[in-house]
Amino acid sequence: MSEGEAAGGIEDLPRVIPIFPLPGVLLLPRGRLPLNIFEPRYLEMTQDAMASHRTIGMIQPADPAAKLDAPEVYAIGCAGRITSFQETPDNRFLITLTGVCRFAVVRELEQDGLLHRRVRADYSRFAGDLAAPGPLAVDRARMLPALRSYFDHHGLSADWDAIDRADDDALVNCLAMACPFEPGEKQALLECRSEGERADMMQALFEMAAHGPAGRQTRIQ
């Protein structure tokens, strides 16, 4: 399946969506998130989404250490549209979600025999997510040295040419989603009121985290 087009306005977004609670995983509007689906409940979730609105709500458990089957989740998530779908010979789904709009959880619905969870979503606070991004002036002279220090300290590598070529909006989205920030930090980035606020918060996280414990080798693309 090739990439589809996003919904045109708030009124086009589904009011009931399945949710995929994953700690430390962030989806932002216009961001792209590849997922390997293999658990029965999430296979069912994907099948149901493909048969209807092709929308899944990415959201984090409020307690990332919770071991419950249905942990409490944060009040804010991001709805993503399935824009790539592949079924593997061993019955997994490889999908890509493209972020459409953030949502607030109004309430969780009864499962009614389903394996996966669903919520009633309210997008009204985040209507601006559907608009074309405005100009975003990232202070790269400040961000890139902090980013290099952060990567070096935590054993990360990156395609610096791609980073230099990326426009500011794409760069902020990609780094916010890909960098191994703590779940609470990821949630704070999700809930920022604007891309500019998100860029400023991420800059502060780079500068603080560069002095934290070293991490294992990872590559950011």
N, C-alpha and C. Protein backbone atom coordinates (compact mmCIF):
# COMPACT_ATOMS: atom_id res chain seq x y z
N MET A 1 0.85 -1.18 0.00
CA MET A 1 0.00 0.00 0.00
C MET A 1 0.88 1.22 0.00
N SER A 2 0.62 2.17 -0.87
CA SER A 2 1.41 3.38 -0.94
C SER A 2 0.88 4.37 0.07
N GLU A 3 1.66 5.45 0.25
CA GLU A 3 1.28 6.45 1.23
C GLU A 3 -0.02 7.13 0.84
N GLY A 4 -0.94 7.24 1.80
CA GLY A 4 -2.22 7.88 1.53
C GLY A 4 -2.21 9.33 1.93
N GLU A 5 -3.31 10.00 1.68
CA GLU A 5 -3.41 11.40 2.03
C GLU A 5 -4.07 11.54 3.40
N ALA A 6 -3.61 12.52 4.15
CA ALA A 6 -4.15 12.75 5.48
C ALA A 6 -5.52 13.38 5.38
N ALA A 7 -6.26 13.27 6.48
CA ALA A 7 -7.58 13.87 6.52
C ALA A 7 -7.48 15.37 6.36
N GLY A 8 -8.55 16.00 5.82
CA GLY A 8 -8.49 17.41 5.51
C GLY A 8 -8.75 18.32 6.69
N GLY A 9 -9.59 17.92 7.65
CA GLY A 9 -9.92 18.77 8.78
C GLY A 9 -10.33 17.96 9.98
N ILE A 10 -10.54 18.66 11.10
CA ILE A 10 -10.91 17.99 12.34
C ILE A 10 -12.14 17.11 12.14
N GLU A 11 -13.10 17.60 11.37
CA GLU A 11 -14.35 16.86 11.18
C GLU A 11 -14.13 15.54 10.43
N ASP A 12 -12.99 15.39 9.75
CA ASP A 12 -12.71 14.18 9.00
C ASP A 12 -12.02 13.10 9.85
N LEU A 13 -11.60 13.46 11.04
CA LEU A 13 -10.85 12.51 11.86
C LEU A 13 -11.81 11.61 12.64
N PRO A 14 -11.48 10.33 12.77
CA PRO A 14 -12.38 9.41 13.50
C PRO A 14 -12.45 9.74 14.97
N ARG A 15 -13.65 9.68 15.52
CA ARG A 15 -13.84 10.01 16.92
C ARG A 15 -13.50 8.84 17.86
N VAL A 16 -13.58 7.64 17.35
CA VAL A 16 -13.18 6.45 18.13
C VAL A 16 -11.99 5.82 17.41
N ILE A 17 -10.89 5.67 18.13
CA ILE A 17 -9.68 5.11 17.53
C ILE A 17 -9.07 4.06 18.46
N PRO A 18 -8.41 3.07 17.88
CA PRO A 18 -7.64 2.14 18.71
C PRO A 18 -6.39 2.83 19.21
N ILE A 19 -5.91 2.43 20.37
CA ILE A 19 -4.67 3.00 20.90
C ILE A 19 -3.61 1.92 21.03
N PHE A 20 -2.37 2.35 20.85
CA PHE A 20 -1.20 1.48 20.93
C PHE A 20 -0.29 2.07 22.01
N PRO A 21 -0.42 1.61 23.26
CA PRO A 21 0.40 2.18 24.34
C PRO A 21 1.82 1.61 24.31
N LEU A 22 2.80 2.47 24.06
CA LEU A 22 4.20 2.06 24.05
C LEU A 22 5.03 3.08 24.80
N PRO A 23 5.73 2.68 25.87
CA PRO A 23 6.54 3.64 26.61
C PRO A 23 7.75 4.08 25.78
N GLY A 24 8.05 5.36 25.83
CA GLY A 24 9.24 5.88 25.16
C GLY A 24 9.12 6.00 23.66
N VAL A 25 7.92 5.78 23.10
CA VAL A 25 7.71 5.89 21.66
C VAL A 25 6.87 7.12 21.39
N LEU A 26 7.38 7.99 20.52
CA LEU A 26 6.73 9.26 20.24
C LEU A 26 6.38 9.35 18.77
N LEU A 27 5.14 9.75 18.49
CA LEU A 27 4.72 10.11 17.14
C LEU A 27 4.27 11.55 17.17
N LEU A 28 4.73 12.34 16.21
CA LEU A 28 4.36 13.74 16.10
C LEU A 28 3.66 13.98 14.77
N PRO A 29 2.83 15.01 14.69
CA PRO A 29 2.22 15.33 13.39
C PRO A 29 3.28 15.49 12.30
N ARG A 30 3.05 14.84 11.18
CA ARG A 30 3.93 14.80 10.02
C ARG A 30 5.14 13.90 10.21
N GLY A 31 5.30 13.33 11.40
CA GLY A 31 6.38 12.37 11.61
C GLY A 31 6.00 11.00 11.07
N ARG A 32 7.00 10.18 10.81
CA ARG A 32 6.78 8.83 10.28
C ARG A 32 7.37 7.82 11.26
N LEU A 33 6.54 6.85 11.65
CA LEU A 33 6.93 5.87 12.66
C LEU A 33 6.75 4.46 12.12
N PRO A 34 7.86 3.74 11.84
CA PRO A 34 7.74 2.34 11.43
C PRO A 34 7.48 1.45 12.63
N LEU A 35 6.62 0.45 12.46
CA LEU A 35 6.25 -0.45 13.55
C LEU A 35 6.23 -1.88 13.06
N ASN A 36 6.70 -2.78 13.92
CA ASN A 36 6.67 -4.21 13.66
C ASN A 36 5.59 -4.79 14.56
N ILE A 37 4.48 -5.22 13.97
CA ILE A 37 3.31 -5.66 14.74
C ILE A 37 3.28 -7.18 14.77
N PHE A 38 3.26 -7.75 15.99
CA PHE A 38 3.27 -9.21 16.09
C PHE A 38 2.38 -9.76 17.19
N GLU A 39 2.07 -8.97 18.23
CA GLU A 39 1.19 -9.46 19.29
C GLU A 39 -0.24 -9.58 18.76
N PRO A 40 -0.98 -10.63 19.17
CA PRO A 40 -2.35 -10.81 18.65
C PRO A 40 -3.24 -9.59 18.81
N ARG A 41 -3.17 -8.92 19.95
CA ARG A 41 -4.06 -7.77 20.16
C ARG A 41 -3.75 -6.63 19.20
N TYR A 42 -2.46 -6.48 18.84
CA TYR A 42 -2.09 -5.38 17.95
C TYR A 42 -2.22 -5.79 16.48
N LEU A 43 -2.15 -7.08 16.21
CA LEU A 43 -2.53 -7.55 14.88
C LEU A 43 -4.01 -7.26 14.64
N GLU A 44 -4.83 -7.55 15.66
CA GLU A 44 -6.27 -7.26 15.56
C GLU A 44 -6.49 -5.76 15.40
N MET A 45 -5.78 -4.97 16.19
CA MET A 45 -5.89 -3.51 16.11
C MET A 45 -5.60 -3.01 14.70
N THR A 46 -4.53 -3.53 14.11
CA THR A 46 -4.14 -3.09 12.76
C THR A 46 -5.17 -3.52 11.73
N GLN A 47 -5.66 -4.75 11.85
CA GLN A 47 -6.68 -5.22 10.91
C GLN A 47 -7.93 -4.36 10.98
N ASP A 48 -8.36 -4.03 12.19
CA ASP A 48 -9.56 -3.20 12.35
C ASP A 48 -9.34 -1.81 11.78
N ALA A 49 -8.15 -1.25 12.02
CA ALA A 49 -7.86 0.08 11.47
C ALA A 49 -7.82 0.06 9.95
N MET A 50 -7.23 -0.98 9.38
CA MET A 50 -7.14 -1.09 7.92
C MET A 50 -8.53 -1.25 7.30
N ALA A 51 -9.44 -1.85 8.04
CA ALA A 51 -10.78 -2.08 7.50
C ALA A 51 -11.68 -0.86 7.64
N SER A 52 -11.20 0.19 8.31
CA SER A 52 -12.05 1.36 8.51
C SER A 52 -11.31 2.64 8.16
N HIS A 53 -10.81 3.34 9.16
CA HIS A 53 -10.24 4.68 8.96
C HIS A 53 -8.71 4.69 8.85
N ARG A 54 -8.07 3.54 9.01
CA ARG A 54 -6.62 3.41 8.91
C ARG A 54 -5.88 4.29 9.91
N THR A 55 -6.51 4.54 11.06
CA THR A 55 -5.94 5.43 12.06
C THR A 55 -5.69 4.70 13.36
N ILE A 56 -4.52 4.92 13.94
CA ILE A 56 -4.14 4.34 15.23
C ILE A 56 -3.61 5.47 16.11
N GLY A 57 -4.01 5.45 17.38
CA GLY A 57 -3.52 6.46 18.32
C GLY A 57 -2.31 5.94 19.08
N MET A 58 -1.16 6.58 18.85
CA MET A 58 0.03 6.26 19.63
C MET A 58 -0.03 7.06 20.93
N ILE A 59 0.19 6.35 22.04
CA ILE A 59 0.07 6.99 23.35
C ILE A 59 0.98 6.23 24.30
N GLN A 60 1.47 6.90 25.34
CA GLN A 60 2.38 6.26 26.28
C GLN A 60 1.66 5.86 27.57
N PRO A 61 2.05 4.75 28.17
CA PRO A 61 1.57 4.45 29.52
C PRO A 61 2.04 5.54 30.48
N ALA A 62 1.17 5.93 31.42
CA ALA A 62 1.55 6.97 32.38
C ALA A 62 2.71 6.51 33.26
N ASP A 63 2.76 5.21 33.55
CA ASP A 63 3.88 4.63 34.29
C ASP A 63 4.64 3.71 33.34
N PRO A 64 5.81 4.13 32.85
CA PRO A 64 6.51 3.31 31.86
C PRO A 64 6.96 1.96 32.39
N ALA A 65 7.01 1.82 33.71
CA ALA A 65 7.43 0.54 34.30
C ALA A 65 6.26 -0.40 34.57
N ALA A 66 5.05 0.04 34.29
CA ALA A 66 3.87 -0.78 34.58
C ALA A 66 3.90 -2.06 33.75
N LYS A 67 3.57 -3.17 34.37
CA LYS A 67 3.55 -4.47 33.70
C LYS A 67 2.13 -4.95 33.44
N LEU A 68 1.15 -4.09 33.63
CA LEU A 68 -0.24 -4.48 33.44
C LEU A 68 -0.56 -4.66 31.96
N ASP A 69 -1.56 -5.48 31.67
CA ASP A 69 -2.01 -5.65 30.29
C ASP A 69 -2.65 -4.39 29.74
N ALA A 70 -3.31 -3.62 30.63
CA ALA A 70 -3.98 -2.40 30.21
C ALA A 70 -3.59 -1.27 31.15
N PRO A 71 -2.35 -0.79 31.06
CA PRO A 71 -1.91 0.25 31.99
C PRO A 71 -2.63 1.57 31.73
N GLU A 72 -2.70 2.40 32.77
CA GLU A 72 -3.23 3.75 32.59
C GLU A 72 -2.34 4.49 31.59
N VAL A 73 -2.95 5.29 30.74
CA VAL A 73 -2.19 6.01 29.72
C VAL A 73 -2.27 7.51 29.97
N TYR A 74 -1.35 8.23 29.35
CA TYR A 74 -1.39 9.69 29.41
C TYR A 74 -2.68 10.21 28.77
N ALA A 75 -3.01 11.45 29.06
CA ALA A 75 -4.24 12.05 28.54
C ALA A 75 -4.10 12.51 27.10
N ILE A 76 -2.85 12.64 26.60
CA ILE A 76 -2.61 13.16 25.26
C ILE A 76 -1.81 12.15 24.45
N GLY A 77 -2.26 11.90 23.21
CA GLY A 77 -1.52 11.04 22.28
C GLY A 77 -1.52 11.69 20.91
N CYS A 78 -1.08 10.93 19.91
CA CYS A 78 -1.07 11.43 18.54
C CYS A 78 -1.65 10.37 17.61
N ALA A 79 -2.63 10.78 16.83
CA ALA A 79 -3.24 9.87 15.86
C ALA A 79 -2.37 9.80 14.62
N GLY A 80 -2.13 8.58 14.16
CA GLY A 80 -1.34 8.37 12.95
C GLY A 80 -2.12 7.56 11.94
N ARG A 81 -1.91 7.86 10.69
CA ARG A 81 -2.57 7.15 9.59
C ARG A 81 -1.63 6.10 9.03
N ILE A 82 -2.13 4.89 8.81
CA ILE A 82 -1.31 3.83 8.22
C ILE A 82 -1.06 4.19 6.75
N THR A 83 0.17 4.53 6.44
CA THR A 83 0.52 4.94 5.08
C THR A 83 1.39 3.91 4.37
N SER A 84 1.78 2.86 5.08
CA SER A 84 2.50 1.74 4.47
C SER A 84 2.13 0.48 5.23
N PHE A 85 1.87 -0.60 4.51
CA PHE A 85 1.43 -1.85 5.13
C PHE A 85 2.03 -3.02 4.38
N GLN A 86 2.62 -3.95 5.14
CA GLN A 86 3.16 -5.17 4.53
C GLN A 86 2.93 -6.33 5.50
N GLU A 87 2.47 -7.46 4.97
CA GLU A 87 2.30 -8.67 5.77
C GLU A 87 3.46 -9.61 5.47
N THR A 88 4.09 -10.13 6.52
CA THR A 88 5.25 -10.99 6.34
C THR A 88 4.84 -12.47 6.31
N PRO A 89 5.70 -13.35 5.81
CA PRO A 89 5.37 -14.78 5.77
C PRO A 89 5.10 -15.39 7.14
N ASP A 90 5.67 -14.78 8.20
CA ASP A 90 5.43 -15.32 9.54
C ASP A 90 4.31 -14.57 10.27
N ASN A 91 3.42 -13.96 9.48
CA ASN A 91 2.17 -13.37 9.99
C ASN A 91 2.38 -12.15 10.88
N ARG A 92 3.44 -11.40 10.63
CA ARG A 92 3.59 -10.09 11.25
C ARG A 92 3.13 -9.02 10.26
N PHE A 93 2.85 -7.83 10.78
CA PHE A 93 2.56 -6.67 9.95
C PHE A 93 3.70 -5.66 10.12
N LEU A 94 4.22 -5.18 9.02
CA LEU A 94 5.18 -4.08 9.03
C LEU A 94 4.45 -2.85 8.50
N ILE A 95 4.24 -1.89 9.38
CA ILE A 95 3.45 -0.72 8.98
C ILE A 95 4.25 0.55 9.25
N THR A 96 3.85 1.60 8.60
CA THR A 96 4.35 2.94 8.91
C THR A 96 3.16 3.83 9.23
N LEU A 97 3.24 4.50 10.37
CA LEU A 97 2.24 5.50 10.73
C LEU A 97 2.79 6.87 10.41
N THR A 98 1.98 7.69 9.77
CA THR A 98 2.31 9.09 9.55
C THR A 98 1.44 9.92 10.47
N GLY A 99 2.08 10.71 11.33
CA GLY A 99 1.35 11.49 12.32
C GLY A 99 0.42 12.50 11.67
N VAL A 100 -0.82 12.55 12.16
CA VAL A 100 -1.84 13.44 11.61
C VAL A 100 -2.17 14.56 12.59
N CYS A 101 -2.58 14.19 13.81
CA CYS A 101 -3.05 15.21 14.76
C CYS A 101 -3.00 14.63 16.17
N ARG A 102 -2.61 15.46 17.11
CA ARG A 102 -2.68 15.04 18.51
C ARG A 102 -4.14 14.99 18.99
N PHE A 103 -4.38 14.26 20.03
CA PHE A 103 -5.73 14.12 20.56
C PHE A 103 -5.69 14.04 22.08
N ALA A 104 -6.79 14.41 22.70
CA ALA A 104 -7.01 14.20 24.12
C ALA A 104 -7.95 13.02 24.29
N VAL A 105 -7.66 12.17 25.25
CA VAL A 105 -8.53 11.04 25.55
C VAL A 105 -9.75 11.54 26.31
N VAL A 106 -10.92 11.36 25.73
CA VAL A 106 -12.17 11.71 26.42
C VAL A 106 -12.53 10.60 27.40
N ARG A 107 -12.53 9.38 26.91
CA ARG A 107 -12.76 8.22 27.78
C ARG A 107 -12.36 6.98 27.01
N GLU A 108 -12.05 5.93 27.76
CA GLU A 108 -11.75 4.65 27.14
C GLU A 108 -13.04 3.84 27.03
N LEU A 109 -13.20 3.15 25.92
CA LEU A 109 -14.42 2.37 25.67
C LEU A 109 -14.26 0.96 26.19
N GLU A 110 -15.38 0.31 26.45
CA GLU A 110 -15.35 -1.11 26.80
C GLU A 110 -14.80 -1.90 25.62
N GLN A 111 -14.09 -2.98 25.92
CA GLN A 111 -13.47 -3.75 24.84
C GLN A 111 -14.48 -4.60 24.08
N ASP A 112 -15.58 -4.98 24.70
CA ASP A 112 -16.65 -5.71 24.01
C ASP A 112 -16.12 -6.91 23.22
N GLY A 113 -15.25 -7.68 23.87
CA GLY A 113 -14.72 -8.88 23.24
C GLY A 113 -13.48 -8.66 22.39
N LEU A 114 -13.10 -7.42 22.18
CA LEU A 114 -11.90 -7.13 21.41
C LEU A 114 -10.66 -7.33 22.28
N LEU A 115 -9.56 -7.62 21.64
CA LEU A 115 -8.30 -7.76 22.37
C LEU A 115 -7.63 -6.41 22.60
N HIS A 116 -7.83 -5.47 21.67
CA HIS A 116 -7.14 -4.18 21.77
C HIS A 116 -8.04 -3.12 22.40
N ARG A 117 -7.44 -1.99 22.75
CA ARG A 117 -8.13 -0.92 23.45
C ARG A 117 -8.53 0.20 22.49
N ARG A 118 -9.63 0.86 22.82
CA ARG A 118 -10.11 1.98 22.00
C ARG A 118 -10.48 3.14 22.91
N VAL A 119 -10.35 4.36 22.38
CA VAL A 119 -10.74 5.54 23.13
C VAL A 119 -11.59 6.44 22.25
N ARG A 120 -12.37 7.28 22.91
CA ARG A 120 -13.03 8.39 22.21
C ARG A 120 -12.06 9.56 22.27
N ALA A 121 -11.73 10.11 21.10
CA ALA A 121 -10.68 11.12 20.99
C ALA A 121 -11.26 12.49 20.69
N ASP A 122 -10.66 13.51 21.28
CA ASP A 122 -11.03 14.91 21.04
C ASP A 122 -9.81 15.62 20.46
N TYR A 123 -9.92 16.11 19.23
CA TYR A 123 -8.81 16.75 18.54
C TYR A 123 -8.88 18.28 18.60
N SER A 124 -9.91 18.83 19.22
CA SER A 124 -10.21 20.25 19.06
C SER A 124 -9.08 21.16 19.54
N ARG A 125 -8.34 20.75 20.56
CA ARG A 125 -7.23 21.59 21.06
C ARG A 125 -6.06 21.64 20.09
N PHE A 126 -6.04 20.71 19.13
CA PHE A 126 -4.85 20.56 18.30
C PHE A 126 -5.14 20.74 16.82
N ALA A 127 -6.17 21.54 16.51
CA ALA A 127 -6.54 21.75 15.11
C ALA A 127 -5.37 22.28 14.28
N GLY A 128 -4.49 23.04 14.91
CA GLY A 128 -3.33 23.59 14.20
C GLY A 128 -2.39 22.53 13.66
N ASP A 129 -2.47 21.30 14.20
CA ASP A 129 -1.61 20.22 13.70
C ASP A 129 -1.89 19.90 12.24
N LEU A 130 -3.11 20.21 11.78
CA LEU A 130 -3.50 19.87 10.41
C LEU A 130 -3.08 20.93 9.41
N ALA A 131 -2.65 22.09 9.89
CA ALA A 131 -2.23 23.16 8.99
C ALA A 131 -0.79 22.93 8.53
N ALA A 132 -0.47 23.49 7.39
CA ALA A 132 0.92 23.42 6.92
C ALA A 132 1.82 24.10 7.95
N PRO A 133 2.98 23.54 8.23
CA PRO A 133 3.85 24.14 9.25
C PRO A 133 4.32 25.52 8.82
N GLY A 134 4.32 26.43 9.75
CA GLY A 134 4.83 27.76 9.48
C GLY A 134 6.34 27.78 9.56
N PRO A 135 6.93 28.93 9.28
CA PRO A 135 8.39 29.02 9.35
C PRO A 135 8.89 28.75 10.76
N LEU A 136 9.92 27.96 10.87
CA LEU A 136 10.51 27.61 12.16
C LEU A 136 12.00 27.92 12.08
N ALA A 137 12.42 28.87 12.85
CA ALA A 137 13.82 29.31 12.81
C ALA A 137 14.59 28.64 13.94
N VAL A 138 15.14 27.46 13.67
CA VAL A 138 15.96 26.76 14.66
C VAL A 138 17.34 27.40 14.68
N ASP A 139 17.85 27.67 15.86
CA ASP A 139 19.19 28.22 16.01
C ASP A 139 20.19 27.07 15.88
N ARG A 140 20.51 26.73 14.63
CA ARG A 140 21.39 25.58 14.41
C ARG A 140 22.80 25.81 14.94
N ALA A 141 23.23 27.05 14.97
CA ALA A 141 24.56 27.35 15.50
C ALA A 141 24.66 26.95 16.96
N ARG A 142 23.53 26.97 17.66
CA ARG A 142 23.50 26.53 19.06
C ARG A 142 23.14 25.06 19.16
N MET A 143 22.15 24.60 18.33
CA MET A 143 21.66 23.24 18.48
C MET A 143 22.68 22.19 18.04
N LEU A 144 23.32 22.39 16.90
CA LEU A 144 24.16 21.32 16.36
C LEU A 144 25.35 20.98 17.25
N PRO A 145 26.07 21.97 17.84
CA PRO A 145 27.13 21.58 18.78
C PRO A 145 26.60 20.80 19.98
N ALA A 146 25.43 21.23 20.51
CA ALA A 146 24.85 20.50 21.63
C ALA A 146 24.43 19.10 21.21
N LEU A 147 23.90 18.98 19.98
CA LEU A 147 23.49 17.68 19.46
C LEU A 147 24.70 16.76 19.29
N ARG A 148 25.79 17.28 18.75
CA ARG A 148 27.00 16.47 18.60
C ARG A 148 27.53 16.01 19.95
N SER A 149 27.52 16.91 20.92
CA SER A 149 27.99 16.55 22.26
C SER A 149 27.10 15.48 22.88
N TYR A 150 25.79 15.64 22.69
CA TYR A 150 24.83 14.66 23.19
C TYR A 150 25.06 13.30 22.55
N PHE A 151 25.21 13.28 21.24
CA PHE A 151 25.45 12.02 20.54
C PHE A 151 26.75 11.37 20.98
N ASP A 152 27.82 12.16 21.06
CA ASP A 152 29.12 11.61 21.47
C ASP A 152 29.06 11.03 22.87
N HIS A 153 28.40 11.75 23.77
CA HIS A 153 28.36 11.31 25.16
C HIS A 153 27.56 10.03 25.33
N HIS A 154 26.54 9.85 24.49
CA HIS A 154 25.65 8.70 24.63
C HIS A 154 25.90 7.61 23.60
N GLY A 155 27.01 7.69 22.89
CA GLY A 155 27.35 6.62 21.95
C GLY A 155 26.45 6.55 20.75
N LEU A 156 25.92 7.69 20.30
CA LEU A 156 25.03 7.75 19.15
C LEU A 156 25.82 8.20 17.92
N SER A 157 25.38 7.74 16.76
CA SER A 157 25.94 8.23 15.51
C SER A 157 24.81 8.71 14.63
N ALA A 158 25.14 9.50 13.62
CA ALA A 158 24.09 10.09 12.79
C ALA A 158 24.63 10.39 11.40
N ASP A 159 23.72 10.55 10.47
CA ASP A 159 24.04 11.01 9.13
C ASP A 159 24.02 12.54 9.16
N TRP A 160 25.16 13.14 9.38
CA TRP A 160 25.22 14.59 9.57
C TRP A 160 24.89 15.34 8.28
N ASP A 161 25.18 14.74 7.14
CA ASP A 161 24.79 15.40 5.89
C ASP A 161 23.27 15.50 5.78
N ALA A 162 22.57 14.42 6.16
CA ALA A 162 21.10 14.44 6.13
C ALA A 162 20.56 15.45 7.13
N ILE A 163 21.18 15.54 8.29
CA ILE A 163 20.76 16.53 9.28
C ILE A 163 20.92 17.94 8.74
N ASP A 164 22.04 18.19 8.06
CA ASP A 164 22.28 19.53 7.49
C ASP A 164 21.27 19.86 6.40
N ARG A 165 20.82 18.84 5.64
CA ARG A 165 19.89 19.09 4.53
C ARG A 165 18.45 19.23 4.98
N ALA A 166 18.10 18.66 6.13
CA ALA A 166 16.71 18.64 6.59
C ALA A 166 16.23 20.05 6.91
N ASP A 167 14.97 20.34 6.55
CA ASP A 167 14.43 21.64 6.96
C ASP A 167 14.16 21.60 8.46
N ASP A 168 13.94 22.76 9.05
CA ASP A 168 13.88 22.85 10.51
C ASP A 168 12.75 22.03 11.10
N ASP A 169 11.56 22.07 10.46
CA ASP A 169 10.41 21.32 10.98
C ASP A 169 10.70 19.82 10.98
N ALA A 170 11.21 19.31 9.86
CA ALA A 170 11.52 17.89 9.77
C ALA A 170 12.62 17.50 10.75
N LEU A 171 13.59 18.38 10.92
CA LEU A 171 14.70 18.08 11.83
C LEU A 171 14.20 17.96 13.27
N VAL A 172 13.39 18.90 13.71
CA VAL A 172 12.88 18.88 15.08
C VAL A 172 12.02 17.63 15.30
N ASN A 173 11.12 17.33 14.34
CA ASN A 173 10.28 16.14 14.47
C ASN A 173 11.12 14.88 14.54
N CYS A 174 12.07 14.75 13.63
CA CYS A 174 12.89 13.53 13.57
C CYS A 174 13.69 13.33 14.85
N LEU A 175 14.33 14.39 15.32
CA LEU A 175 15.15 14.26 16.52
C LEU A 175 14.30 13.99 17.76
N ALA A 176 13.15 14.66 17.87
CA ALA A 176 12.29 14.44 19.02
C ALA A 176 11.82 13.00 19.08
N MET A 177 11.49 12.42 17.91
CA MET A 177 10.99 11.06 17.87
C MET A 177 12.10 10.03 18.03
N ALA A 178 13.29 10.30 17.47
CA ALA A 178 14.33 9.28 17.40
C ALA A 178 15.27 9.26 18.59
N CYS A 179 15.50 10.41 19.22
CA CYS A 179 16.47 10.45 20.31
C CYS A 179 15.93 9.71 21.54
N PRO A 180 16.81 9.06 22.29
CA PRO A 180 16.37 8.23 23.43
C PRO A 180 16.12 9.04 24.70
N PHE A 181 15.21 10.01 24.60
CA PHE A 181 14.81 10.75 25.79
C PHE A 181 13.99 9.84 26.71
N GLU A 182 13.87 10.24 27.96
CA GLU A 182 13.04 9.51 28.91
C GLU A 182 11.57 9.64 28.49
N PRO A 183 10.72 8.64 28.84
CA PRO A 183 9.31 8.72 28.45
C PRO A 183 8.61 10.02 28.86
N GLY A 184 8.88 10.50 30.08
CA GLY A 184 8.27 11.75 30.51
C GLY A 184 8.73 12.92 29.66
N GLU A 185 9.98 12.90 29.23
CA GLU A 185 10.49 13.96 28.36
C GLU A 185 9.83 13.88 26.98
N LYS A 186 9.65 12.66 26.49
CA LYS A 186 8.95 12.49 25.20
C LYS A 186 7.52 13.05 25.29
N GLN A 187 6.87 12.78 26.42
CA GLN A 187 5.51 13.27 26.58
C GLN A 187 5.49 14.80 26.61
N ALA A 188 6.46 15.38 27.28
CA ALA A 188 6.53 16.84 27.34
C ALA A 188 6.74 17.42 25.94
N LEU A 189 7.56 16.78 25.13
CA LEU A 189 7.77 17.23 23.75
C LEU A 189 6.48 17.13 22.95
N LEU A 190 5.74 16.05 23.15
CA LEU A 190 4.47 15.88 22.45
C LEU A 190 3.50 17.01 22.78
N GLU A 191 3.47 17.41 24.04
CA GLU A 191 2.46 18.35 24.50
C GLU A 191 2.84 19.81 24.31
N CYS A 192 4.00 20.09 23.73
CA CYS A 192 4.40 21.47 23.49
C CYS A 192 3.35 22.19 22.64
N ARG A 193 3.17 23.47 22.91
CA ARG A 193 2.13 24.24 22.22
C ARG A 193 2.50 24.60 20.80
N SER A 194 3.78 24.58 20.48
CA SER A 194 4.21 24.98 19.14
C SER A 194 5.51 24.27 18.81
N GLU A 195 5.86 24.26 17.51
CA GLU A 195 7.12 23.68 17.08
C GLU A 195 8.30 24.45 17.69
N GLY A 196 8.15 25.78 17.81
CA GLY A 196 9.21 26.57 18.41
C GLY A 196 9.46 26.20 19.85
N GLU A 197 8.38 26.00 20.61
CA GLU A 197 8.52 25.56 22.00
C GLU A 197 9.16 24.19 22.06
N ARG A 198 8.79 23.31 21.12
CA ARG A 198 9.37 21.97 21.09
C ARG A 198 10.87 22.04 20.79
N ALA A 199 11.26 22.89 19.85
CA ALA A 199 12.68 23.04 19.52
C ALA A 199 13.46 23.55 20.73
N ASP A 200 12.89 24.51 21.46
CA ASP A 200 13.58 25.06 22.63
C ASP A 200 13.71 24.01 23.72
N MET A 201 12.64 23.23 23.94
CA MET A 201 12.70 22.19 24.96
C MET A 201 13.73 21.12 24.60
N MET A 202 13.74 20.74 23.32
CA MET A 202 14.69 19.71 22.90
C MET A 202 16.13 20.21 23.04
N GLN A 203 16.35 21.49 22.72
CA GLN A 203 17.68 22.08 22.90
C GLN A 203 18.11 21.96 24.36
N ALA A 204 17.20 22.27 25.28
CA ALA A 204 17.53 22.17 26.70
C ALA A 204 17.81 20.72 27.09
N LEU A 205 17.06 19.78 26.53
CA LEU A 205 17.29 18.37 26.84
C LEU A 205 18.66 17.92 26.33
N PHE A 206 19.05 18.37 25.14
CA PHE A 206 20.37 18.03 24.63
C PHE A 206 21.45 18.55 25.57
N GLU A 207 21.30 19.77 25.99
CA GLU A 207 22.35 20.39 26.81
C GLU A 207 22.43 19.75 28.18
N MET A 208 21.28 19.35 28.75
CA MET A 208 21.31 18.69 30.05
C MET A 208 21.77 17.25 29.94
N ALA A 209 21.24 16.52 28.92
CA ALA A 209 21.53 15.09 28.80
C ALA A 209 22.97 14.83 28.38
N ALA A 210 23.62 15.80 27.74
CA ALA A 210 25.00 15.61 27.32
C ALA A 210 25.93 15.37 28.50
N HIS A 211 25.46 15.75 29.69
CA HIS A 211 26.29 15.59 30.89
C HIS A 211 25.83 14.43 31.75
N GLY A 212 24.88 13.64 31.23
CA GLY A 212 24.37 12.50 31.98
C GLY A 212 25.20 11.25 31.74
N PRO A 213 24.71 10.08 32.25
CA PRO A 213 25.44 8.82 32.07
C PRO A 213 25.55 8.46 30.60
N ALA A 214 26.67 7.91 30.21
CA ALA A 214 26.87 7.49 28.82
C ALA A 214 25.97 6.33 28.48
N GLY A 215 25.55 6.27 27.23
CA GLY A 215 24.66 5.20 26.76
C GLY A 215 25.36 4.27 25.80
N ARG A 216 24.58 3.30 25.30
CA ARG A 216 25.15 2.32 24.37
C ARG A 216 25.13 2.89 22.95
N GLN A 217 25.87 2.26 22.07
CA GLN A 217 26.00 2.72 20.70
C GLN A 217 24.68 2.54 19.93
N THR A 218 24.19 3.62 19.34
CA THR A 218 22.96 3.62 18.56
C THR A 218 23.16 4.55 17.40
N ARG A 219 22.41 4.31 16.31
CA ARG A 219 22.49 5.19 15.17
C ARG A 219 21.15 5.87 14.95
N ILE A 220 21.18 7.19 14.79
CA ILE A 220 19.99 7.99 14.49
C ILE A 220 20.01 8.30 13.02
N GLN A 221 18.90 7.97 12.32
CA GLN A 221 18.82 8.23 10.89
C GLN A 221 17.65 9.15 10.60
